[in-house]
C-alpha atoms as a PDB file:
ATOM      1  CA  MET A   1      30.297   1.834  11.034  1.00  0.00           C
ATOM      2  CA  VAL A   2      27.969   2.550   9.448  1.00  0.00           C
ATOM      3  CA  LEU A   3      28.234   0.646   6.358  1.00  0.00           C
ATOM      4  CA  ARG A   4      29.317  -2.170   7.960  1.00  0.00           C
ATOM      5  CA  GLU A   5      26.599  -2.299  10.446  1.00  0.00           C
ATOM      6  CA  LEU A   6      24.048  -1.724   7.166  1.00  0.00           C
ATOM      7  CA  ALA A   7      25.798  -4.770   5.309  1.00  0.00           C
ATOM      8  CA  SER A   8      26.044  -7.101   7.976  1.00  0.00           C
ATOM      9  CA  ASN A   9      22.952  -6.640   9.500  1.00  0.00           C
ATOM     10  CA  ILE A  10      21.400  -6.768   5.586  1.00  0.00           C
ATOM     11  CA  LEU A  11      23.579 -10.348   5.245  1.00  0.00           C
ATOM     12  CA  LYS A  12      22.371 -12.248   8.478  1.00  0.00           C
ATOM     13  CA  TYR A  13      18.646 -10.822   8.304  1.00  0.00           C
ATOM     14  CA  GLY A  14      17.607  -9.351   4.870  1.00  0.00           C
ATOM     15  CA  LYS A  15      16.152 -10.900   1.998  1.00  0.00           C
ATOM     16  CA  ASN A  16      17.051  -9.524  -1.267  1.00  0.00           C
ATOM     17  CA  GLY A  17      18.913  -6.871   0.157  1.00  0.00           C
ATOM     18  CA  ARG A  18      21.298  -5.006  -1.291  1.00  0.00           C
ATOM     19  CA  ILE A  19      23.679  -1.674  -0.703  1.00  0.00           C
ATOM     20  CA  ASP A  20      25.045   1.007  -3.029  1.00  0.00           C
ATOM     21  CA  VAL A  21      27.845   3.359  -2.199  1.00  0.00           C
ATOM     22  CA  ALA A  22      28.707   6.644  -3.931  1.00  0.00           C
ATOM     23  CA  LEU A  23      31.967   8.380  -2.805  1.00  0.00           C
ATOM     24  CA  THR A  24      32.211  12.453  -3.494  1.00  0.00           C
ATOM     25  CA  ASP A  25      34.939  14.950  -2.699  1.00  0.00           C
ATOM     26  CA  ASP A  26      32.985  15.668   0.789  1.00  0.00           C
ATOM     27  CA  GLY A  27      30.955  12.729   1.720  1.00  0.00           C
ATOM     28  CA  VAL A  28      29.679   9.537   1.430  1.00  0.00           C
ATOM     29  CA  ASN A  29      26.040   8.511  -0.035  1.00  0.00           C
ATOM     30  CA  ILE A  30      24.791   5.195   1.140  1.00  0.00           C
ATOM     31  CA  ILE A  31      21.203   3.364  -0.254  1.00  0.00           C
ATOM     32  CA  ALA A  32      20.282   0.115   1.338  1.00  0.00           C
ATOM     33  CA  GLU A  33      17.555  -1.797   0.208  1.00  0.00           C
ATOM     34  CA  ASN A  34      16.112  -4.421   2.125  1.00  0.00           C
ATOM     35  CA  GLU A  35      12.715  -6.652   1.959  1.00  0.00           C
ATOM     36  CA  ILE A  36      10.911  -7.092   5.190  1.00  0.00           C
ATOM     37  CA  SER A  37       7.718  -9.068   6.472  1.00  0.00           C
ATOM     38  CA  VAL A  38       4.786  -7.396   7.156  1.00  0.00           C
ATOM     39  CA  ASP A  39       4.491  -8.516  10.739  1.00  0.00           C
ATOM     40  CA  ASN A  40       7.890  -6.666  11.636  1.00  0.00           C
ATOM     41  CA  LEU A  41       5.711  -3.680  10.225  1.00  0.00           C
ATOM     42  CA  LYS A  42       2.636  -4.186  12.256  1.00  0.00           C
ATOM     43  CA  ASN A  43       4.489  -4.953  15.364  1.00  0.00           C
ATOM     44  CA  GLY A  44       6.703  -1.839  14.932  1.00  0.00           C
ATOM     45  CA  LYS A  45      10.259  -3.498  15.112  1.00  0.00           C
ATOM     46  CA  LYS A  46      12.795  -0.784  15.366  1.00  0.00           C
ATOM     47  CA  GLY A  47      15.651  -0.339  12.704  1.00  0.00           C
ATOM     48  CA  LEU A  48      13.779  -3.114  10.719  1.00  0.00           C
ATOM     49  CA  GLY A  49      16.621  -5.429  11.072  1.00  0.00           C
ATOM     50  CA  LEU A  50      19.264  -2.437   9.533  1.00  0.00           C
ATOM     51  CA  GLY A  51      21.116  -1.349  13.096  1.00  0.00           C
ATOM     52  CA  TRP A  52      18.566   1.577  13.313  1.00  0.00           C
ATOM     53  CA  LYS A  53      20.591   3.188  16.255  1.00  0.00           C
ATOM     54  CA  ILE A  54      23.675   3.073  15.389  1.00  0.00           C
ATOM     55  CA  ILE A  55      22.486   4.103  11.698  1.00  0.00           C
ATOM     56  CA  SER A  56      21.055   7.363  12.969  1.00  0.00           C
ATOM     57  CA  ASN A  57      23.902   8.015  15.208  1.00  0.00           C
ATOM     58  CA  HIS A  58      26.134   8.364  12.807  1.00  0.00           C
ATOM     59  CA  SER A  59      24.483   9.770   9.553  1.00  0.00           C
ATOM     60  CA  ASP A  60      23.756  13.184   8.579  1.00  0.00           C
ATOM     61  CA  PHE A  61      20.792  13.238   6.523  1.00  0.00           C
ATOM     62  CA  ILE A  62      18.411  10.168   6.383  1.00  0.00           C
ATOM     63  CA  THR A  63      15.298   9.323   4.697  1.00  0.00           C
ATOM     64  CA  ILE A  64      13.423   6.208   4.595  1.00  0.00           C
ATOM     65  CA  ARG A  65      10.922   4.536   2.164  1.00  0.00           C
ATOM     66  CA  ILE A  66       8.343   1.873   2.933  1.00  0.00           C
ATOM     67  CA  ILE A  67       7.014   0.428  -0.435  1.00  0.00           C
ATOM     68  CA  GLN A  68       3.814  -1.327  -0.083  1.00  0.00           C
ATOM     69  CA  GLN A  69       4.855  -2.775   3.144  1.00  0.00           C
ATOM     70  CA  LYS A  70       7.647  -4.647   2.087  1.00  0.00           C
ATOM     71  CA  LYS A  71      10.367  -3.018   0.744  1.00  0.00           C
ATOM     72  CA  VAL A  72      12.352  -0.634   2.742  1.00  0.00           C
ATOM     73  CA  ILE A  73      14.776   1.494   1.499  1.00  0.00           C
ATOM     74  CA  PHE A  74      17.230   3.830   3.220  1.00  0.00           C
ATOM     75  CA  ASN A  75      18.840   6.631   1.637  1.00  0.00           C
ATOM     76  CA  LEU A  76      22.176   7.708   3.940  1.00  0.00           C
ATOM     77  CA  ARG A  77      24.567  10.663   3.683  1.00  0.00           C
ATOM     78  CA  ILE A  78      27.694  10.851   6.127  1.00  0.00           C
ATOM     79  CA  ASN A  79      29.443  14.249   5.386  1.00  0.00           C
ATOM     80  CA  LEU A  80      33.381  14.032   5.645  1.00  0.00           C
ATOM     81  CA  VAL A  81      34.145  17.663   5.676  1.00  0.00           C
ATOM     82  CA  GLN A  82      33.732  19.217   9.019  1.00  0.00           C
ATOM     83  CA  LYS A  83      31.500  22.417   8.962  1.00  0.00           C
ATOM     84  CA  GLU A  84      32.582  25.751  10.347  1.00  0.00           C
ATOM     85  CA  GLU A  85      31.899  26.026  13.640  1.00  0.00           C
ATOM     86  CA  THR A  86      29.563  28.721  12.854  1.00  0.00           C
ATOM     87  CA  GLU A  87      27.845  27.307  10.666  1.00  0.00           C
ATOM     88  CA  LYS A  88      23.987  25.500  11.944  1.00  0.00           C
ATOM     89  CA  LYS A  89      23.917  22.103  11.981  1.00  0.00           C
ATOM     90  CA  TYR A  90      20.506  20.472  11.595  1.00  0.00           C
ATOM     91  CA  LYS A  91      19.030  17.106  10.848  1.00  0.00           C
ATOM     92  CA  ILE A  92      15.984  16.056   8.770  1.00  0.00           C
ATOM     93  CA  ASN A  93      14.473  12.644   9.005  1.00  0.00           C
ATOM     94  CA  TYR A  94      11.875  11.455   6.927  1.00  0.00           C
ATOM     95  CA  SER A  95       9.437   8.662   6.091  1.00  0.00           C
ATOM     96  CA  VAL A  96       6.749   7.975   3.444  1.00  0.00           C
ATOM     97  CA  LEU A  97       4.578   5.781   3.183  1.00  0.00           C
ATOM     98  CA  ILE A  98       2.677   4.917  -0.039  1.00  0.00           C
ATOM     99  CA  GLU A  99      -0.304   2.492  -0.480  1.00  0.00           C
ATOM    100  CA  PRO A 100      -2.897   1.886  -3.438  1.00  0.00           C
ATOM    101  CA  HIS A 101      -6.609   1.331  -3.863  1.00  0.00           C
ATOM    102  CA  TYR A 102      -7.526  -1.960  -2.227  1.00  0.00           C
ATOM    103  CA  LEU A 103      -8.343  -3.441  -5.903  1.00  0.00           C
ATOM    104  CA  GLU A 104      -5.101  -2.375  -7.408  1.00  0.00           C
ATOM    105  CA  LYS A 105      -1.642  -2.883  -7.394  1.00  0.00           C
ATOM    106  CA  ARG A 106       0.121   0.267  -8.158  1.00  0.00           C
ATOM    107  CA  SER A 107      -0.352   3.689  -7.138  1.00  0.00           C
ATOM    108  CA  GLY A 108      -1.131   7.140  -8.589  1.00  0.00           C
ATOM    109  CA  ASP A 109       0.272   9.032  -6.117  1.00  0.00           C
ATOM    110  CA  PHE A 110       3.971   9.486  -5.790  1.00  0.00           C
ATOM    111  CA  PHE A 111       6.523  11.061  -3.998  1.00  0.00           C
ATOM    112  CA  TYR A 112      10.408  12.721  -5.245  1.00  0.00           C
ATOM    113  CA  GLU A 113      13.023  14.039  -2.943  1.00  0.00           C
ATOM    114  CA  ARG A 114      16.341  15.885  -3.740  1.00  0.00           C
ATOM    115  CA  ARG A 115      19.244  17.332  -1.677  1.00  0.00           C
ATOM    116  CA  ILE A 116      19.221  21.193  -3.407  1.00  0.00           C
ATOM    117  CA  ASP A 117      22.471  21.574  -1.258  1.00  0.00           C
ATOM    118  CA  ASP A 118      23.682  21.609   1.951  1.00  0.00           C
ATOM    119  CA  GLY A 119      21.248  23.651   3.409  1.00  0.00           C
ATOM    120  CA  CYS A 120      18.141  23.085   1.031  1.00  0.00           C
ATOM    121  CA  TYR A 121      16.389  19.825   0.773  1.00  0.00           C
ATOM    122  CA  LEU A 122      13.313  19.881  -1.887  1.00  0.00           C
ATOM    123  CA  PHE A 123      10.119  17.251  -1.108  1.00  0.00           C
ATOM    124  CA  VAL A 124       7.041  16.498  -3.752  1.00  0.00           C
ATOM    125  CA  LEU A 125       4.333  14.740  -2.727  1.00  0.00           C
ATOM    126  CA  GLY A 126       1.777  14.409  -5.478  1.00  0.00           C
ATOM    127  CA  ASP A 127      -1.868  12.469  -6.051  1.00  0.00           C
ATOM    128  CA  VAL A 128      -2.757  11.895 -10.049  1.00  0.00           C
ATOM    129  CA  LEU A 129      -6.419  12.137 -10.395  1.00  0.00           C
ATOM    130  CA  GLY A 130      -7.872   8.402 -10.263  1.00  0.00           C
ATOM    131  CA  HIS A 131      -6.076   5.474  -9.289  1.00  0.00           C
ATOM    132  CA  GLY A 132      -4.582   2.394 -10.497  1.00  0.00           C
ATOM    133  CA  GLU A 133      -2.053   1.924 -13.734  1.00  0.00           C
ATOM    134  CA  LYS A 134      -3.054   4.900 -15.925  1.00  0.00           C
ATOM    135  CA  ALA A 135      -2.450   6.908 -13.066  1.00  0.00           C
ATOM    136  CA  PHE A 136       0.958   5.470 -11.901  1.00  0.00           C
ATOM    137  CA  GLU A 137       1.787   6.084 -15.418  1.00  0.00           C
ATOM    138  CA  VAL A 138       1.693   9.886 -15.002  1.00  0.00           C
ATOM    139  CA  ALA A 139       3.231   9.871 -11.790  1.00  0.00           C
ATOM    140  CA  GLU A 140       6.163   7.804 -13.098  1.00  0.00           C
ATOM    141  CA  LYS A 141       6.105  10.301 -15.766  1.00  0.00           C
ATOM    142  CA  VAL A 142       6.456  13.412 -13.421  1.00  0.00           C
ATOM    143  CA  LYS A 143       9.211  11.824 -11.351  1.00  0.00           C
ATOM    144  CA  GLU A 144      11.481  10.995 -14.527  1.00  0.00           C
ATOM    145  CA  LYS A 145      11.190  14.213 -15.611  1.00  0.00           C
ATOM    146  CA  LEU A 146      12.170  15.661 -12.391  1.00  0.00           C
ATOM    147  CA  ASN A 147      15.102  13.241 -12.354  1.00  0.00           C
ATOM    148  CA  LYS A 148      16.503  14.827 -15.812  1.00  0.00           C
ATOM    149  CA  THR A 149      16.231  18.076 -14.859  1.00  0.00           C
ATOM    150  CA  GLU A 150      18.043  20.677 -12.654  1.00  0.00           C
ATOM    151  CA  PHE A 151      16.448  23.994 -11.024  1.00  0.00           C
ATOM    152  CA  TYR A 152      17.156  25.759  -8.135  1.00  0.00           C
ATOM    153  CA  ASN A 153      14.402  27.370  -6.523  1.00  0.00           C
ATOM    154  CA  ILE A 154      10.932  26.153  -6.372  1.00  0.00           C
ATOM    155  CA  ASN A 155       9.133  27.951  -9.003  1.00  0.00           C
ATOM    156  CA  GLU A 156      11.448  26.083 -11.494  1.00  0.00           C
ATOM    157  CA  VAL A 157       9.948  22.760  -9.626  1.00  0.00           C
ATOM    158  CA  TYR A 158       6.448  23.634 -10.006  1.00  0.00           C
ATOM    159  CA  ILE A 159       7.148  24.695 -14.000  1.00  0.00           C
ATOM    160  CA  VAL A 160       8.635  21.186 -14.437  1.00  0.00           C
ATOM    161  CA  VAL A 161       5.876  18.698 -13.043  1.00  0.00           C
ATOM    162  CA  GLU A 162       3.393  21.304 -14.960  1.00  0.00           C
ATOM    163  CA  GLU A 163       4.685  20.270 -17.988  1.00  0.00           C
ATOM    164  CA  ALA A 164       4.787  16.771 -17.115  1.00  0.00           C
ATOM    165  CA  LEU A 165       1.339  16.838 -16.283  1.00  0.00           C
ATOM    166  CA  ALA A 166       0.415  18.745 -19.420  1.00  0.00           C
ATOM    167  CA  ASN A 167      -2.657  16.706 -21.471  1.00  0.00           C
ATOM    168  CA  THR A 168      -2.712  13.855 -18.354  1.00  0.00           C
ATOM    169  CA  ARG A 169      -5.750  13.579 -15.906  1.00  0.00           C
ATOM    170  CA  GLY A 170      -3.804  16.103 -13.778  1.00  0.00           C
ATOM    171  CA  ALA A 171      -2.971  15.995 -10.070  1.00  0.00           C
ATOM    172  CA  VAL A 172      -2.856  17.668  -6.750  1.00  0.00           C
ATOM    173  CA  LEU A 173       0.693  18.919  -5.707  1.00  0.00           C
ATOM    174  CA  PHE A 174       2.460  19.689  -2.547  1.00  0.00           C
ATOM    175  CA  ILE A 175       6.137  20.975  -2.959  1.00  0.00           C
ATOM    176  CA  CYS A 176       8.177  22.014  -0.306  1.00  0.00           C
ATOM    177  CA  PHE A 177      11.886  23.391  -0.218  1.00  0.00           C
ATOM    178  CA  VAL A 178      12.977  22.773   3.737  1.00  0.00           C
ATOM    179  CA  TYR A 179      15.632  24.940   4.946  1.00  0.00           C
ATOM    180  CA  ASP A 180      17.095  25.544   8.294  1.00  0.00           C
ATOM    181  CA  GLU A 181      15.384  28.289   9.075  1.00  0.00           C
ATOM    182  CA  LYS A 182      12.230  28.239   7.180  1.00  0.00           C
ATOM    183  CA  ILE A 183       9.626  26.308   4.796  1.00  0.00           C
ATOM    184  CA  GLU A 184       9.188  27.721   1.173  1.00  0.00           C
ATOM    185  CA  TYR A 185       6.017  25.453   0.029  1.00  0.00           C
ATOM    186  CA  ILE A 186       3.526  25.555  -3.049  1.00  0.00           C
ATOM    187  CA  ASN A 187       0.329  23.530  -2.018  1.00  0.00           C
ATOM    188  CA  VAL A 188      -2.275  23.026  -4.770  1.00  0.00           C
ATOM    189  CA  GLY A 189      -5.406  20.837  -4.128  1.00  0.00           C
ATOM    190  CA  ASN A 190      -6.360  18.756  -1.407  1.00  0.00           C
ATOM    191  CA  ILE A 191      -2.997  17.832  -0.222  1.00  0.00           C
ATOM    192  CA  ASN A 192      -3.593  17.759   3.694  1.00  0.00           C
ATOM    193  CA  ALA A 193      -0.007  19.362   5.300  1.00  0.00           C
ATOM    194  CA  ASN A 194       0.391  20.551   8.830  1.00  0.00           C
ATOM    195  CA  LEU A 195       3.322  21.830  10.802  1.00  0.00           C
ATOM    196  CA  ILE A 196       3.731  21.061  14.267  1.00  0.00           C
ATOM    197  CA  GLN A 197       6.171  22.757  16.723  1.00  0.00           C
ATOM    198  CA  LYS A 198       6.246  22.106  20.384  1.00  0.00           C
ATOM    199  CA  LYS A 199       3.191  25.264  21.074  1.00  0.00           C
ATOM    200  CA  SER A 200       1.456  24.980  17.971  1.00  0.00           C
ATOM    201  CA  ILE A 201      -0.006  22.850  15.069  1.00  0.00           C
ATOM    202  CA  LYS A 202      -0.922  24.946  11.749  1.00  0.00           C
ATOM    203  CA  LYS A 203      -2.820  23.414   8.473  1.00  0.00           C
ATOM    204  CA  LEU A 204      -0.528  24.851   5.988  1.00  0.00           C
ATOM    205  CA  LEU A 205      -2.528  27.098   3.043  1.00  0.00           C
ATOM    206  CA  ASN A 206      -3.368  25.525   0.002  1.00  0.00           C
ATOM    207  CA  ILE A 207      -4.859  26.946  -3.454  1.00  0.00           C
ATOM    208  CA  PRO A 208      -7.679  25.164  -5.409  1.00  0.00           C
ATOM    209  CA  GLY A 209      -6.642  23.484  -9.222  1.00  0.00           C
ATOM    210  CA  ILE A 210      -5.470  20.398 -10.610  1.00  0.00           C
ATOM    211  CA  VAL A 211      -2.129  21.170 -12.120  1.00  0.00           C
ATOM    212  CA  GLY A 212      -1.988  19.866 -15.672  1.00  0.00           C
ATOM    213  CA  ARG A 213      -5.652  19.607 -16.334  1.00  0.00           C
ATOM    214  CA  GLN A 214      -6.252  23.512 -15.676  1.00  0.00           C
ATOM    215  CA  TYR A 215      -4.611  26.836 -15.032  1.00  0.00           C
ATOM    216  CA  VAL A 216      -3.333  27.479 -11.752  1.00  0.00           C
ATOM    217  CA  ASP A 217      -2.121  30.735 -10.370  1.00  0.00           C
ATOM    218  CA  ARG A 218       0.331  29.675  -8.141  1.00  0.00           C
ATOM    219  CA  LYS A 219       1.322  31.030  -4.899  1.00  0.00           C
ATOM    220  CA  VAL A 220       4.660  30.498  -2.759  1.00  0.00           C
ATOM    221  CA  PHE A 221       3.925  30.116   0.958  1.00  0.00           C
ATOM    222  CA  ASN A 222       6.377  30.493   3.400  1.00  0.00           C
ATOM    223  CA  GLU A 223       6.511  29.324   7.410  1.00  0.00           C
ATOM    224  CA  GLU A 224       9.315  30.175   9.645  1.00  0.00           C
ATOM    225  CA  VAL A 225      10.206  27.347  11.813  1.00  0.00           C
ATOM    226  CA  ASN A 226      12.215  26.225  15.177  1.00  0.00           C
ATOM    227  CA  ASN A 227      14.850  23.666  15.705  1.00  0.00           C
ATOM    228  CA  ASP A 228      12.643  21.531  16.173  1.00  0.00           C
ATOM    229  CA  TYR A 229       9.254  20.109  14.185  1.00  0.00           C
ATOM    230  CA  ILE A 230       7.260  18.144  12.397  1.00  0.00           C
ATOM    231  CA  LEU A 231       5.748  18.315   8.950  1.00  0.00           C
ATOM    232  CA  ILE A 232       2.851  15.583   8.037  1.00  0.00           C
ATOM    233  CA  ALA A 233       1.321  15.810   4.593  1.00  0.00           C
ATOM    234  CA  THR A 234      -1.245  13.365   3.132  1.00  0.00           C
ATOM    235  CA  THR A 235      -3.149  12.308   0.178  1.00  0.00           C
ATOM    236  CA  ASP A 236      -7.126  12.383   0.330  1.00  0.00           C
ATOM    237  CA  GLY A 237      -7.024   8.636   0.849  1.00  0.00           C
ATOM    238  CA  ILE A 238      -5.976   9.271   4.296  1.00  0.00           C
ATOM    239  CA  ARG A 239      -8.922  10.986   6.473  1.00  0.00           C
ATOM    240  CA  GLY A 240      -8.325  14.604   7.108  1.00  0.00           C
ATOM    241  CA  ASN A 241      -8.860  14.306  10.603  1.00  0.00           C
ATOM    242  CA  PHE A 242      -6.189  12.139  11.824  1.00  0.00           C
ATOM    243  CA  LEU A 243      -4.433  14.755  14.036  1.00  0.00           C
ATOM    244  CA  ASN A 244      -7.287  14.824  16.114  1.00  0.00           C
ATOM    245  CA  TYR A 245      -6.886  11.653  17.430  1.00  0.00           C
ATOM    246  CA  ILE A 246      -3.159  11.777  17.845  1.00  0.00           C
ATOM    247  CA  ASN A 247      -1.075  13.245  20.775  1.00  0.00           C
ATOM    248  CA  PRO A 248       1.208  15.839  19.075  1.00  0.00           C
ATOM    249  CA  MET A 249       3.815  15.615  21.344  1.00  0.00           C
ATOM    250  CA  ARG A 250       4.145  11.663  21.181  1.00  0.00           C
ATOM    251  CA  LEU A 251       5.025  12.443  17.279  1.00  0.00           C
ATOM    252  CA  PHE A 252       8.572  14.005  18.508  1.00  0.00           C
ATOM    253  CA  LEU A 253       8.890  10.742  20.698  1.00  0.00           C
ATOM    254  CA  ASP A 254       8.448   8.179  18.017  1.00  0.00           C
ATOM    255  CA  ASN A 255      10.364   6.817  15.174  1.00  0.00           C
ATOM    256  CA  ILE A 256       8.980   8.744  12.070  1.00  0.00           C
ATOM    257  CA  ASP A 257       8.438   5.299  10.120  1.00  0.00           C
ATOM    258  CA  ASN A 258       6.407   4.316  12.852  1.00  0.00           C
ATOM    259  CA  ILE A 259       4.260   7.512  12.817  1.00  0.00           C
ATOM    260  CA  ALA A 260       3.228   7.228   8.953  1.00  0.00           C
ATOM    261  CA  ARG A 261       2.570   3.560   9.514  1.00  0.00           C
ATOM    262  CA  GLU A 262       0.029   4.372  12.531  1.00  0.00           C
ATOM    263  CA  ILE A 263      -1.472   7.136  10.276  1.00  0.00           C
ATOM    264  CA  THR A 264      -1.777   4.873   7.348  1.00  0.00           C
ATOM    265  CA  GLU A 265      -2.939   1.695   9.798  1.00  0.00           C
ATOM    266  CA  LYS A 266      -5.916   3.840  11.061  1.00  0.00           C
ATOM    267  CA  PHE A 267      -6.951   6.722   8.662  1.00  0.00           C
ATOM    268  CA  LYS A 268      -6.658   5.038   5.261  1.00  0.00           C
ATOM    269  CA  ILE A 269      -9.496   5.015   2.992  1.00  0.00           C
ATOM    270  CA  LYS A 270      -9.360   1.650   1.205  1.00  0.00           C
ATOM    271  CA  ASP A 271     -10.876   2.569  -1.997  1.00  0.00           C
ATOM    272  CA  ASP A 272      -8.699   5.163  -3.023  1.00  0.00           C
ATOM    273  CA  ASP A 273      -4.723   5.651  -3.083  1.00  0.00           C
ATOM    274  CA  SER A 274      -2.980   6.702   0.233  1.00  0.00           C
ATOM    275  CA  SER A 275       0.274   8.614   1.266  1.00  0.00           C
ATOM    276  CA  VAL A 276       1.918   9.913   4.154  1.00  0.00           C
ATOM    277  CA  PHE A 277       4.916  11.828   4.698  1.00  0.00           C
ATOM    278  CA  VAL A 278       6.382  12.714   7.842  1.00  0.00           C
ATOM    279  CA  LEU A 279       9.417  14.877   7.990  1.00  0.00           C
ATOM    280  CA  ARG A 280      11.349  15.927  11.531  1.00  0.00           C
ATOM    281  CA  LYS A 281      13.805  18.616  11.782  1.00  0.00           C
ATOM    282  CA  GLY A 282      15.895  18.284  14.829  1.00  0.00           C
ATOM    283  CA  GLY A 283      16.867  15.514  17.200  1.00  0.00           C
END
């Protein structure tokens, strides 16, 4: 049903759309890509022409990327093997919006995600110093290195990124492993990460430094989480006080791509690259 909905809507409404499907022993992975208009983004049209309600209700894992307010990429997974009843099932959705400096076409901010296993997801948000083409090239080098490397814990991920950034202008970095009942993270530099639960908002800890440019005595932090929470991480192209002007409870009701877009539109600093990463666990 999900694949049929994606295919029919891309054919009817899409522009330069495509779908890639990969079948594994226990599930189906789907990547659907479509171009959308800036007006659709600004008006917050749900689903972006891809049948969002059906997709959301039938997918076990959903990621959304909006690239320069033009292209939307959905990455979906549908599990074919039923889990034991005793095993907890939790749903993770996320959205990322990256925009370059207003005088540049490409951004030095970068984002990477990987599903480590059924109970663990990896997310990396980085901000290469400076902006423009040179910063973009460094960011691409980091993502290429991550794609080619196997790793199973957060320290291994950090080492891979640190090696990729060696002898470059360096970057600030937020790495997090998302488990069922905890978030494990490394936060180096000035990335602003906040954990929002129903009764609390907590700014996640960070340590000073620039990865790849100077030695960093990294530290791994842990946060226990409830069944429903939102994690928002932004680079310094987004004003750091944005949560003072947003009702936290509304974040649990709105679409996460709308949240990322609203933060960008209202709090972006135009003469810097900006990134907003919004993750929601729960319904």
